[in-house]
PDB file of N, CA and C in Angstrom:
ATOM      1  N   MET A   1      70.351 157.872  55.657  1.00  0.00           N
ATOM      2  CA  MET A   1      70.220 156.576  56.294  1.00  0.00           C
ATOM      3  C   MET A   1      70.840 155.516  55.387  1.00  0.00           C
ATOM      4  N   THR A   2      71.779 154.786  55.917  1.00  0.00           N
ATOM      5  CA  THR A   2      72.386 153.701  55.171  1.00  0.00           C
ATOM      6  C   THR A   2      71.781 152.405  55.654  1.00  0.00           C
ATOM      7  N   ALA A   3      71.183 151.679  54.748  1.00  0.00           N
ATOM      8  CA  ALA A   3      70.513 150.440  55.112  1.00  0.00           C
ATOM      9  C   ALA A   3      71.515 149.303  55.189  1.00  0.00           C
ATOM     10  N   ASN A   4      71.247 148.392  56.081  1.00  0.00           N
ATOM     11  CA  ASN A   4      72.017 147.167  56.170  1.00  0.00           C
ATOM     12  C   ASN A   4      71.880 146.436  54.835  1.00  0.00           C
ATOM     13  N   PRO A   5      72.996 146.089  54.164  1.00  0.00           N
ATOM     14  CA  PRO A   5      72.900 145.452  52.841  1.00  0.00           C
ATOM     15  C   PRO A   5      72.078 144.174  52.831  1.00  0.00           C
ATOM     16  N   GLN A   6      72.127 143.399  53.916  1.00  0.00           N
ATOM     17  CA  GLN A   6      71.335 142.165  53.976  1.00  0.00           C
ATOM     18  C   GLN A   6      69.846 142.473  53.987  1.00  0.00           C
ATOM     19  N   ILE A   7      69.462 143.486  54.751  1.00  0.00           N
ATOM     20  CA  ILE A   7      68.049 143.877  54.815  1.00  0.00           C
ATOM     21  C   ILE A   7      67.614 144.453  53.473  1.00  0.00           C
ATOM     22  N   LYS A   8      68.437 145.318  52.892  1.00  0.00           N
ATOM     23  CA  LYS A   8      68.105 145.923  51.603  1.00  0.00           C
ATOM     24  C   LYS A   8      67.918 144.843  50.541  1.00  0.00           C
ATOM     25  N   ASN A   9      68.803 143.872  50.508  1.00  0.00           N
ATOM     26  CA  ASN A   9      68.719 142.776  49.544  1.00  0.00           C
ATOM     27  C   ASN A   9      67.441 141.968  49.761  1.00  0.00           C
ATOM     28  N   ARG A  10      67.093 141.708  51.012  1.00  0.00           N
ATOM     29  CA  ARG A  10      65.891 140.926  51.320  1.00  0.00           C
ATOM     30  C   ARG A  10      64.636 141.664  50.876  1.00  0.00           C
ATOM     31  N   ILE A  11      64.583 142.981  51.093  1.00  0.00           N
ATOM     32  CA  ILE A  11      63.393 143.745  50.729  1.00  0.00           C
ATOM     33  C   ILE A  11      63.274 143.869  49.219  1.00  0.00           C
ATOM     34  N   THR A  12      64.372 144.157  48.536  1.00  0.00           N
ATOM     35  CA  THR A  12      64.268 144.316  47.091  1.00  0.00           C
ATOM     36  C   THR A  12      63.963 142.996  46.410  1.00  0.00           C
ATOM     37  N   LYS A  13      64.334 141.889  47.037  1.00  0.00           N
ATOM     38  CA  LYS A  13      64.006 140.584  46.460  1.00  0.00           C
ATOM     39  C   LYS A  13      62.609 140.128  46.855  1.00  0.00           C
ATOM     40  N   SER A  14      62.065 140.726  47.907  1.00  0.00           N
ATOM     41  CA  SER A  14      60.726 140.332  48.333  1.00  0.00           C
ATOM     42  C   SER A  14      59.703 140.898  47.363  1.00  0.00           C
ATOM     43  N   GLU A  15      58.551 140.333  47.415  1.00  0.00           N
ATOM     44  CA  GLU A  15      57.496 140.784  46.509  1.00  0.00           C
ATOM     45  C   GLU A  15      56.704 141.904  47.161  1.00  0.00           C
ATOM     46  N   VAL A  16      56.897 143.116  46.681  1.00  0.00           N
ATOM     47  CA  VAL A  16      55.998 144.196  47.072  1.00  0.00           C
ATOM     48  C   VAL A  16      54.863 144.128  46.070  1.00  0.00           C
ATOM     49  N   ARG A  17      53.665 143.981  46.555  1.00  0.00           N
ATOM     50  CA  ARG A  17      52.537 143.692  45.674  1.00  0.00           C
ATOM     51  C   ARG A  17      51.646 144.886  45.397  1.00  0.00           C
ATOM     52  N   TRP A  18      51.590 145.834  46.310  1.00  0.00           N
ATOM     53  CA  TRP A  18      50.716 146.987  46.113  1.00  0.00           C
ATOM     54  C   TRP A  18      51.067 148.073  47.117  1.00  0.00           C
ATOM     55  N   TRP A  19      50.601 149.268  46.823  1.00  0.00           N
ATOM     56  CA  TRP A  19      50.732 150.384  47.747  1.00  0.00           C
ATOM     57  C   TRP A  19      49.735 150.200  48.879  1.00  0.00           C
ATOM     58  N   THR A  20      50.191 150.318  50.111  1.00  0.00           N
ATOM     59  CA  THR A  20      49.303 150.328  51.276  1.00  0.00           C
ATOM     60  C   THR A  20      49.166 151.774  51.754  1.00  0.00           C
ATOM     61  N   ILE A  21      48.190 152.012  52.591  1.00  0.00           N
ATOM     62  CA  ILE A  21      48.016 153.356  53.171  1.00  0.00           C
ATOM     63  C   ILE A  21      49.298 153.770  53.900  1.00  0.00           C
ATOM     64  N   SER A  22      49.869 152.853  54.674  1.00  0.00           N
ATOM     65  CA  SER A  22      51.095 153.171  55.423  1.00  0.00           C
ATOM     66  C   SER A  22      52.255 153.502  54.491  1.00  0.00           C
ATOM     67  N   ALA A  23      52.368 152.774  53.397  1.00  0.00           N
ATOM     68  CA  ALA A  23      53.450 153.035  52.441  1.00  0.00           C
ATOM     69  C   ALA A  23      53.257 154.394  51.771  1.00  0.00           C
ATOM     70  N   VAL A  24      52.024 154.731  51.429  1.00  0.00           N
ATOM     71  CA  VAL A  24      51.754 156.042  50.815  1.00  0.00           C
ATOM     72  C   VAL A  24      52.035 157.153  51.821  1.00  0.00           C
ATOM     73  N   GLN A  25      51.662 156.949  53.068  1.00  0.00           N
ATOM     74  CA  GLN A  25      51.943 157.958  54.093  1.00  0.00           C
ATOM     75  C   GLN A  25      53.450 158.151  54.250  1.00  0.00           C
ATOM     76  N   CYS A  26      54.201 157.057  54.241  1.00  0.00           N
ATOM     77  CA  CYS A  26      55.657 157.150  54.312  1.00  0.00           C
ATOM     78  C   CYS A  26      56.182 157.941  53.113  1.00  0.00           C
ATOM     79  N   TYR A  27      55.658 157.646  51.942  1.00  0.00           N
ATOM     80  CA  TYR A  27      56.040 158.364  50.719  1.00  0.00           C
ATOM     81  C   TYR A  27      55.762 159.863  50.870  1.00  0.00           C
ATOM     82  N   LEU A  28      54.573 160.209  51.392  1.00  0.00           N
ATOM     83  CA  LEU A  28      54.196 161.609  51.560  1.00  0.00           C
ATOM     84  C   LEU A  28      55.089 162.330  52.566  1.00  0.00           C
ATOM     85  N   LEU A  29      55.604 161.599  53.545  1.00  0.00           N
ATOM     86  CA  LEU A  29      56.492 162.177  54.552  1.00  0.00           C
ATOM     87  C   LEU A  29      57.947 162.212  54.072  1.00  0.00           C
ATOM     88  N   GLY A  30      58.159 161.829  52.828  1.00  0.00           N
ATOM     89  CA  GLY A  30      59.514 161.822  52.290  1.00  0.00           C
ATOM     90  C   GLY A  30      60.380 160.732  52.896  1.00  0.00           C
ATOM     91  N   CYS A  31      59.729 159.680  53.397  1.00  0.00           N
ATOM     92  CA  CYS A  31      60.428 158.553  54.044  1.00  0.00           C
ATOM     93  C   CYS A  31      61.309 159.037  55.195  1.00  0.00           C
ATOM     94  N   GLN A  32      60.861 160.078  55.892  1.00  0.00           N
ATOM     95  CA  GLN A  32      61.596 160.611  57.039  1.00  0.00           C
ATOM     96  C   GLN A  32      60.991 160.050  58.315  1.00  0.00           C
ATOM     97  N   CYS A  33      61.676 159.078  58.882  1.00  0.00           N
ATOM     98  CA  CYS A  33      61.169 158.387  60.071  1.00  0.00           C
ATOM     99  C   CYS A  33      60.898 159.341  61.235  1.00  0.00           C
ATOM    100  N   SER A  34      61.629 160.449  61.289  1.00  0.00           N
ATOM    101  CA  SER A  34      61.440 161.405  62.382  1.00  0.00           C
ATOM    102  C   SER A  34      60.055 162.049  62.353  1.00  0.00           C
ATOM    103  N   LYS A  35      59.389 162.004  61.202  1.00  0.00           N
ATOM    104  CA  LYS A  35      58.057 162.588  61.066  1.00  0.00           C
ATOM    105  C   LYS A  35      56.948 161.548  61.237  1.00  0.00           C
ATOM    106  N   CYS A  36      57.313 160.313  61.518  1.00  0.00           N
ATOM    107  CA  CYS A  36      56.353 159.208  61.530  1.00  0.00           C
ATOM    108  C   CYS A  36      56.277 158.564  62.913  1.00  0.00           C
ATOM    109  N   ASP A  37      55.105 158.016  63.240  1.00  0.00           N
ATOM    110  CA  ASP A  37      54.916 157.336  64.521  1.00  0.00           C
ATOM    111  C   ASP A  37      55.294 155.862  64.477  1.00  0.00           C
ATOM    112  N   ILE A  38      55.328 155.269  63.306  1.00  0.00           N
ATOM    113  CA  ILE A  38      55.558 153.823  63.199  1.00  0.00           C
ATOM    114  C   ILE A  38      56.879 153.377  63.827  1.00  0.00           C
ATOM    115  N   PRO A  39      58.018 154.053  63.561  1.00  0.00           N
ATOM    116  CA  PRO A  39      59.275 153.573  64.148  1.00  0.00           C
ATOM    117  C   PRO A  39      59.244 153.475  65.666  1.00  0.00           C
ATOM    118  N   SER A  40      58.491 154.353  66.312  1.00  0.00           N
ATOM    119  CA  SER A  40      58.426 154.311  67.779  1.00  0.00           C
ATOM    120  C   SER A  40      57.656 153.090  68.281  1.00  0.00           C
ATOM    121  N   LEU A  41      56.902 152.444  67.406  1.00  0.00           N
ATOM    122  CA  LEU A  41      56.136 151.256  67.776  1.00  0.00           C
ATOM    123  C   LEU A  41      56.898 149.959  67.529  1.00  0.00           C
ATOM    124  N   LEU A  42      58.025 150.053  66.859  1.00  0.00           N
ATOM    125  CA  LEU A  42      58.779 148.864  66.459  1.00  0.00           C
ATOM    126  C   LEU A  42      59.949 148.604  67.385  1.00  0.00           C
ATOM    127  N   GLU A  43      60.282 147.333  67.534  1.00  0.00           N
ATOM    128  CA  GLU A  43      61.468 146.964  68.302  1.00  0.00           C
ATOM    129  C   GLU A  43      62.712 146.951  67.416  1.00  0.00           C
ATOM    130  N   THR A  44      62.515 146.906  66.118  1.00  0.00           N
ATOM    131  CA  THR A  44      63.623 146.910  65.166  1.00  0.00           C
ATOM    132  C   THR A  44      63.541 148.161  64.307  1.00  0.00           C
ATOM    133  N   GLN A  45      64.566 148.388  63.501  1.00  0.00           N
ATOM    134  CA  GLN A  45      64.577 149.555  62.631  1.00  0.00           C
ATOM    135  C   GLN A  45      63.497 149.419  61.555  1.00  0.00           C
ATOM    136  N   CYS A  46      62.769 150.482  61.316  1.00  0.00           N
ATOM    137  CA  CYS A  46      61.715 150.484  60.296  1.00  0.00           C
ATOM    138  C   CYS A  46      62.343 150.313  58.917  1.00  0.00           C
ATOM    139  N   GLN A  47      61.724 149.481  58.106  1.00  0.00           N
ATOM    140  CA  GLN A  47      62.216 149.225  56.755  1.00  0.00           C
ATOM    141  C   GLN A  47      61.266 149.760  55.685  1.00  0.00           C
ATOM    142  N   MET A  48      60.313 150.603  56.092  1.00  0.00           N
ATOM    143  CA  MET A  48      59.319 151.109  55.158  1.00  0.00           C
ATOM    144  C   MET A  48      59.967 151.899  54.021  1.00  0.00           C
ATOM    145  N   LYS A  49      61.019 152.649  54.313  1.00  0.00           N
ATOM    146  CA  LYS A  49      61.683 153.441  53.277  1.00  0.00           C
ATOM    147  C   LYS A  49      62.136 152.541  52.128  1.00  0.00           C
ATOM    148  N   LEU A  50      62.729 151.407  52.457  1.00  0.00           N
ATOM    149  CA  LEU A  50      63.181 150.484  51.417  1.00  0.00           C
ATOM    150  C   LEU A  50      62.005 149.915  50.638  1.00  0.00           C
ATOM    151  N   SER A  51      60.921 149.630  51.331  1.00  0.00           N
ATOM    152  CA  SER A  51      59.723 149.126  50.655  1.00  0.00           C
ATOM    153  C   SER A  51      59.142 150.177  49.722  1.00  0.00           C
ATOM    154  N   VAL A  52      59.107 151.426  50.182  1.00  0.00           N
ATOM    155  CA  VAL A  52      58.587 152.514  49.355  1.00  0.00           C
ATOM    156  C   VAL A  52      59.451 152.686  48.108  1.00  0.00           C
ATOM    157  N   MET A  53      60.750 152.625  48.280  1.00  0.00           N
ATOM    158  CA  MET A  53      61.648 152.748  47.128  1.00  0.00           C
ATOM    159  C   MET A  53      61.382 151.625  46.114  1.00  0.00           C
ATOM    160  N   GLU A  54      61.156 150.428  46.603  1.00  0.00           N
ATOM    161  CA  GLU A  54      60.871 149.303  45.712  1.00  0.00           C
ATOM    162  C   GLU A  54      59.496 149.460  45.054  1.00  0.00           C
ATOM    163  N   LEU A  55      58.515 149.974  45.794  1.00  0.00           N
ATOM    164  CA  LEU A  55      57.181 150.213  45.218  1.00  0.00           C
ATOM    165  C   LEU A  55      57.253 151.245  44.095  1.00  0.00           C
ATOM    166  N   VAL A  56      58.003 152.324  44.313  1.00  0.00           N
ATOM    167  CA  VAL A  56      58.149 153.352  43.272  1.00  0.00           C
ATOM    168  C   VAL A  56      58.835 152.748  42.047  1.00  0.00           C
ATOM    169  N   ARG A  57      59.863 151.954  42.285  1.00  0.00           N
ATOM    170  CA  ARG A  57      60.577 151.327  41.174  1.00  0.00           C
ATOM    171  C   ARG A  57      59.670 150.379  40.389  1.00  0.00           C
ATOM    172  N   LYS A  58      58.872 149.610  41.116  1.00  0.00           N
ATOM    173  CA  LYS A  58      58.045 148.577  40.482  1.00  0.00           C
ATOM    174  C   LYS A  58      56.756 149.128  39.881  1.00  0.00           C
ATOM    175  N   PHE A  59      56.089 150.046  40.587  1.00  0.00           N
ATOM    176  CA  PHE A  59      54.760 150.507  40.173  1.00  0.00           C
ATOM    177  C   PHE A  59      54.674 151.989  39.834  1.00  0.00           C
ATOM    178  N   GLY A  60      55.719 152.736  40.143  1.00  0.00           N
ATOM    179  CA  GLY A  60      55.652 154.183  39.979  1.00  0.00           C
ATOM    180  C   GLY A  60      55.079 154.833  41.230  1.00  0.00           C
ATOM    181  N   LYS A  61      54.922 156.131  41.173  1.00  0.00           N
ATOM    182  CA  LYS A  61      54.403 156.888  42.321  1.00  0.00           C
ATOM    183  C   LYS A  61      52.954 156.495  42.602  1.00  0.00           C
ATOM    184  N   PRO A  62      52.505 156.689  43.854  1.00  0.00           N
ATOM    185  CA  PRO A  62      51.103 156.404  44.164  1.00  0.00           C
ATOM    186  C   PRO A  62      50.165 157.327  43.388  1.00  0.00           C
ATOM    187  N   THR A  63      48.974 156.836  43.100  1.00  0.00           N
ATOM    188  CA  THR A  63      48.005 157.627  42.351  1.00  0.00           C
ATOM    189  C   THR A  63      47.439 158.743  43.230  1.00  0.00           C
ATOM    190  N   ASP A  64      46.804 159.712  42.585  1.00  0.00           N
ATOM    191  CA  ASP A  64      46.153 160.806  43.326  1.00  0.00           C
ATOM    192  C   ASP A  64      45.104 160.258  44.282  1.00  0.00           C
ATOM    193  N   GLU A  65      44.395 159.223  43.867  1.00  0.00           N
ATOM    194  CA  GLU A  65      43.373 158.608  44.728  1.00  0.00           C
ATOM    195  C   GLU A  65      44.008 158.000  45.984  1.00  0.00           C
ATOM    196  N   MET A  66      45.134 157.314  45.812  1.00  0.00           N
ATOM    197  CA  MET A  66      45.837 156.733  46.955  1.00  0.00           C
ATOM    198  C   MET A  66      46.339 157.822  47.893  1.00  0.00           C
ATOM    199  N   ILE A  67      46.867 158.895  47.309  1.00  0.00           N
ATOM    200  CA  ILE A  67      47.379 160.003  48.113  1.00  0.00           C
ATOM    201  C   ILE A  67      46.248 160.656  48.904  1.00  0.00           C
ATOM    202  N   LYS A  68      45.105 160.842  48.269  1.00  0.00           N
ATOM    203  CA  LYS A  68      43.952 161.432  48.959  1.00  0.00           C
ATOM    204  C   LYS A  68      43.526 160.551  50.136  1.00  0.00           C
ATOM    205  N   ALA A  69      43.450 159.243  49.923  1.00  0.00           N
ATOM    206  CA  ALA A  69      43.055 158.319  50.989  1.00  0.00           C
ATOM    207  C   ALA A  69      44.066 158.351  52.140  1.00  0.00           C
ATOM    208  N   ALA A  70      45.339 158.397  51.815  1.00  0.00           N
ATOM    209  CA  ALA A  70      46.377 158.427  52.841  1.00  0.00           C
ATOM    210  C   ALA A  70      46.305 159.721  53.649  1.00  0.00           C
ATOM    211  N   LYS A  71      46.079 160.839  52.969  1.00  0.00           N
ATOM    212  CA  LYS A  71      45.959 162.128  53.667  1.00  0.00           C
ATOM    213  C   LYS A  71      44.743 162.148  54.587  1.00  0.00           C
ATOM    214  N   GLU A  72      43.633 161.586  54.116  1.00  0.00           N
ATOM    215  CA  GLU A  72      42.428 161.523  54.954  1.00  0.00           C
ATOM    216  C   GLU A  72      42.688 160.682  56.194  1.00  0.00           C
ATOM    217  N   ASP A  73      43.390 159.560  56.027  1.00  0.00           N
ATOM    218  CA  ASP A  73      43.707 158.695  57.157  1.00  0.00           C
ATOM    219  C   ASP A  73      44.640 159.412  58.140  1.00  0.00           C
ATOM    220  N   MET A  74      45.606 160.157  57.612  1.00  0.00           N
ATOM    221  CA  MET A  74      46.523 160.904  58.474  1.00  0.00           C
ATOM    222  C   MET A  74      45.761 161.961  59.276  1.00  0.00           C
ATOM    223  N   LYS A  75      44.792 162.604  58.645  1.00  0.00           N
ATOM    224  CA  LYS A  75      43.990 163.613  59.340  1.00  0.00           C
ATOM    225  C   LYS A  75      43.180 162.974  60.461  1.00  0.00           C
ATOM    226  N   LYS A  76      42.580 161.811  60.184  1.00  0.00           N
ATOM    227  CA  LYS A  76      41.818 161.105  61.222  1.00  0.00           C
ATOM    228  C   LYS A  76      42.715 160.732  62.398  1.00  0.00           C
ATOM    229  N   GLN A  77      43.931 160.268  62.096  1.00  0.00           N
ATOM    230  CA  GLN A  77      44.873 159.921  63.157  1.00  0.00           C
ATOM    231  C   GLN A  77      45.212 161.146  63.994  1.00  0.00           C
ATOM    232  N   ASN A  78      45.461 162.266  63.351  1.00  0.00           N
ATOM    233  CA  ASN A  78      45.773 163.501  64.072  1.00  0.00           C
ATOM    234  C   ASN A  78      44.594 163.964  64.915  1.00  0.00           C
ATOM    235  N   ASP A  79      43.377 163.838  64.380  1.00  0.00           N
ATOM    236  CA  ASP A  79      42.178 164.221  65.135  1.00  0.00           C
ATOM    237  C   ASP A  79      42.034 163.361  66.388  1.00  0.00           C
ATOM    238  N   ARG A  80      42.310 162.046  66.269  1.00  0.00           N
ATOM    239  CA  ARG A  80      42.232 161.146  67.429  1.00  0.00           C
ATOM    240  C   ARG A  80      43.263 161.532  68.484  1.00  0.00           C
ATOM    241  N   ILE A  81      44.455 161.894  68.045  1.00  0.00           N
ATOM    242  CA  ILE A  81      45.508 162.297  68.991  1.00  0.00           C
ATOM    243  C   ILE A  81      45.095 163.554  69.727  1.00  0.00           C
ATOM    244  N   LEU A  82      44.513 164.521  69.011  1.00  0.00           N
ATOM    245  CA  LEU A  82      44.063 165.752  69.660  1.00  0.00           C
ATOM    246  C   LEU A  82      42.970 165.469  70.685  1.00  0.00           C
ATOM    247  N   LEU A  83      42.060 164.545  70.366  1.00  0.00           N
ATOM    248  CA  LEU A  83      40.990 164.194  71.310  1.00  0.00           C
ATOM    249  C   LEU A  83      41.579 163.570  72.580  1.00  0.00           C
ATOM    250  N   ILE A  84      42.571 162.730  72.415  1.00  0.00           N
ATOM    251  CA  ILE A  84      43.194 162.073  73.559  1.00  0.00           C
ATOM    252  C   ILE A  84      43.947 163.085  74.407  1.00  0.00           C
ATOM    253  N   GLN A  85      44.596 164.034  73.775  1.00  0.00           N
ATOM    254  CA  GLN A  85      45.378 165.029  74.504  1.00  0.00           C
ATOM    255  C   GLN A  85      44.500 166.008  75.275  1.00  0.00           C
ATOM    256  N   ASN A  86      43.269 166.207  74.810  1.00  0.00           N
ATOM    257  CA  ASN A  86      42.388 167.171  75.482  1.00  0.00           C
ATOM    258  C   ASN A  86      41.583 166.489  76.489  1.00  0.00           C
TER     259      ASN A  86
END
């Protein structure tokens, strides 16, 4: 994925302040939008990959605690989807 240079510049200059659950989930998915539901909810191209790259650069990888919380949230989301489908 090649990012629009204007968007990339705006994100890297913006202040990423902390890891969010969504950012950690994106990190865990390898920033592969095809594995994520968020892009399908957006009217514009998802920029989470650029944010994740900036978070890793600024703060390093997410902690084990953050990863555990993100995985638990992903499991809850999957459980809700299964309930809706049945």
